[in-house]
Amino acid sequence: MSQASTLFVGLDVHKDSISVAQVSSEPTGSVVFVGRIGTRTADIDKLLRRLQSRAVRPVFAYEAGPCG
């Protein structure tokens, strides 16, 4: 399986968890819920390694609330 050139990653950040979804830049790409991860640095590092294996360039966005 070849890597997508760009993978868009959405993060919904909460106090105790981060919900993660992704969609590739390919025309047939659909939104996929990746799952929930913890908020520790190790959890985020693991997510980054996982996503970098799927795309050359992951692009991240997060849900901005009243505090973000």
C-alpha atoms as a PDB file:
ATOM      1  CA  MET A   1       0.000   0.000   0.000  1.00  0.00           C
ATOM      2  CA  SER A   2       1.461   3.363  -0.969  1.00  0.00           C
ATOM      3  CA  GLN A   3       1.385   6.318   1.362  1.00  0.00           C
ATOM      4  CA  ALA A   4      -0.963   9.223   0.764  1.00  0.00           C
ATOM      5  CA  SER A   5       0.818  12.507   0.125  1.00  0.00           C
ATOM      6  CA  THR A   6      -1.150  14.392   2.784  1.00  0.00           C
ATOM      7  CA  LEU A   7      -3.192  13.114   5.692  1.00  0.00           C
ATOM      8  CA  PHE A   8      -5.467  15.595   7.451  1.00  0.00           C
ATOM      9  CA  VAL A   9      -5.875  14.831  11.151  1.00  0.00           C
ATOM     10  CA  GLY A  10      -8.527  16.365  13.383  1.00  0.00           C
ATOM     11  CA  LEU A  11      -8.083  16.444  17.159  1.00  0.00           C
ATOM     12  CA  ASP A  12     -10.912  16.990  19.639  1.00  0.00           C
ATOM     13  CA  VAL A  13      -9.025  17.742  22.840  1.00  0.00           C
ATOM     14  CA  HIS A  14     -10.495  17.117  26.287  1.00  0.00           C
ATOM     15  CA  LYS A  15      -8.985  17.178  29.768  1.00  0.00           C
ATOM     16  CA  ASP A  16      -8.466  13.402  29.943  1.00  0.00           C
ATOM     17  CA  SER A  17      -8.466  12.298  26.297  1.00  0.00           C
ATOM     18  CA  ILE A  18      -8.031  13.309  22.668  1.00  0.00           C
ATOM     19  CA  SER A  19     -10.382  12.003  19.976  1.00  0.00           C
ATOM     20  CA  VAL A  20      -8.645  11.594  16.612  1.00  0.00           C
ATOM     21  CA  ALA A  21     -10.069  11.443  13.066  1.00  0.00           C
ATOM     22  CA  GLN A  22      -8.291  11.423   9.715  1.00  0.00           C
ATOM     23  CA  VAL A  23      -8.953  11.887   6.025  1.00  0.00           C
ATOM     24  CA  SER A  24      -6.496  11.551   3.148  1.00  0.00           C
ATOM     25  CA  SER A  25      -6.066  14.166   0.440  1.00  0.00           C
ATOM     26  CA  GLU A  26      -7.043  11.646  -2.225  1.00  0.00           C
ATOM     27  CA  PRO A  27     -10.360  12.315  -4.007  1.00  0.00           C
ATOM     28  CA  THR A  28     -11.842   9.073  -2.680  1.00  0.00           C
ATOM     29  CA  GLY A  29     -10.706   9.754   0.886  1.00  0.00           C
ATOM     30  CA  SER A  30     -13.321   9.476   3.597  1.00  0.00           C
ATOM     31  CA  VAL A  31     -13.247  10.553   7.225  1.00  0.00           C
ATOM     32  CA  VAL A  32     -12.103   7.754   9.519  1.00  0.00           C
ATOM     33  CA  PHE A  33     -12.336   7.835  13.312  1.00  0.00           C
ATOM     34  CA  VAL A  34      -8.907   6.709  14.521  1.00  0.00           C
ATOM     35  CA  GLY A  35      -9.885   6.479  18.190  1.00  0.00           C
ATOM     36  CA  ARG A  36      -9.263   8.102  21.536  1.00  0.00           C
ATOM     37  CA  ILE A  37      -5.814   8.537  23.016  1.00  0.00           C
ATOM     38  CA  GLY A  38      -4.510   9.825  26.313  1.00  0.00           C
ATOM     39  CA  THR A  39      -3.072  13.281  26.816  1.00  0.00           C
ATOM     40  CA  ARG A  40       0.421  12.243  27.897  1.00  0.00           C
ATOM     41  CA  THR A  41       3.370  13.098  25.676  1.00  0.00           C
ATOM     42  CA  ALA A  42       3.989   9.372  25.129  1.00  0.00           C
ATOM     43  CA  ASP A  43       0.419   8.931  23.831  1.00  0.00           C
ATOM     44  CA  ILE A  44       0.863  11.761  21.327  1.00  0.00           C
ATOM     45  CA  ASP A  45       4.280  10.457  20.221  1.00  0.00           C
ATOM     46  CA  LYS A  46       2.743   7.035  19.563  1.00  0.00           C
ATOM     47  CA  LEU A  47      -0.031   8.662  17.500  1.00  0.00           C
ATOM     48  CA  LEU A  48       2.526  10.643  15.474  1.00  0.00           C
ATOM     49  CA  ARG A  49       4.540   7.520  14.638  1.00  0.00           C
ATOM     50  CA  ARG A  50       1.353   5.690  13.647  1.00  0.00           C
ATOM     51  CA  LEU A  51       0.167   8.492  11.355  1.00  0.00           C
ATOM     52  CA  GLN A  52       3.590   9.113   9.792  1.00  0.00           C
ATOM     53  CA  SER A  53       3.545   5.527   8.553  1.00  0.00           C
ATOM     54  CA  ARG A  54       0.336   6.346   6.625  1.00  0.00           C
ATOM     55  CA  ALA A  55       1.303   9.608   4.917  1.00  0.00           C
ATOM     56  CA  VAL A  56       4.283  11.629   3.811  1.00  0.00           C
ATOM     57  CA  ARG A  57       2.862  14.793   5.383  1.00  0.00           C
ATOM     58  CA  PRO A  58       0.340  14.656   8.222  1.00  0.00           C
ATOM     59  CA  VAL A  59      -1.439  18.002   8.809  1.00  0.00           C
ATOM     60  CA  PHE A  60      -3.096  18.568  12.192  1.00  0.00           C
ATOM     61  CA  ALA A  61      -5.990  20.758  13.351  1.00  0.00           C
ATOM     62  CA  TYR A  62      -7.764  20.904  16.680  1.00  0.00           C
ATOM     63  CA  GLU A  63     -11.174  21.999  17.807  1.00  0.00           C
ATOM     64  CA  ALA A  64     -10.775  25.496  19.212  1.00  0.00           C
ATOM     65  CA  GLY A  65     -13.068  26.234  22.090  1.00  0.00           C
ATOM     66  CA  PRO A  66     -13.420  29.267  24.351  1.00  0.00           C
ATOM     67  CA  CYS A  67     -10.005  28.544  25.903  1.00  0.00           C
ATOM     68  CA  GLY A  68      -8.143  27.657  22.699  1.00  0.00           C
END
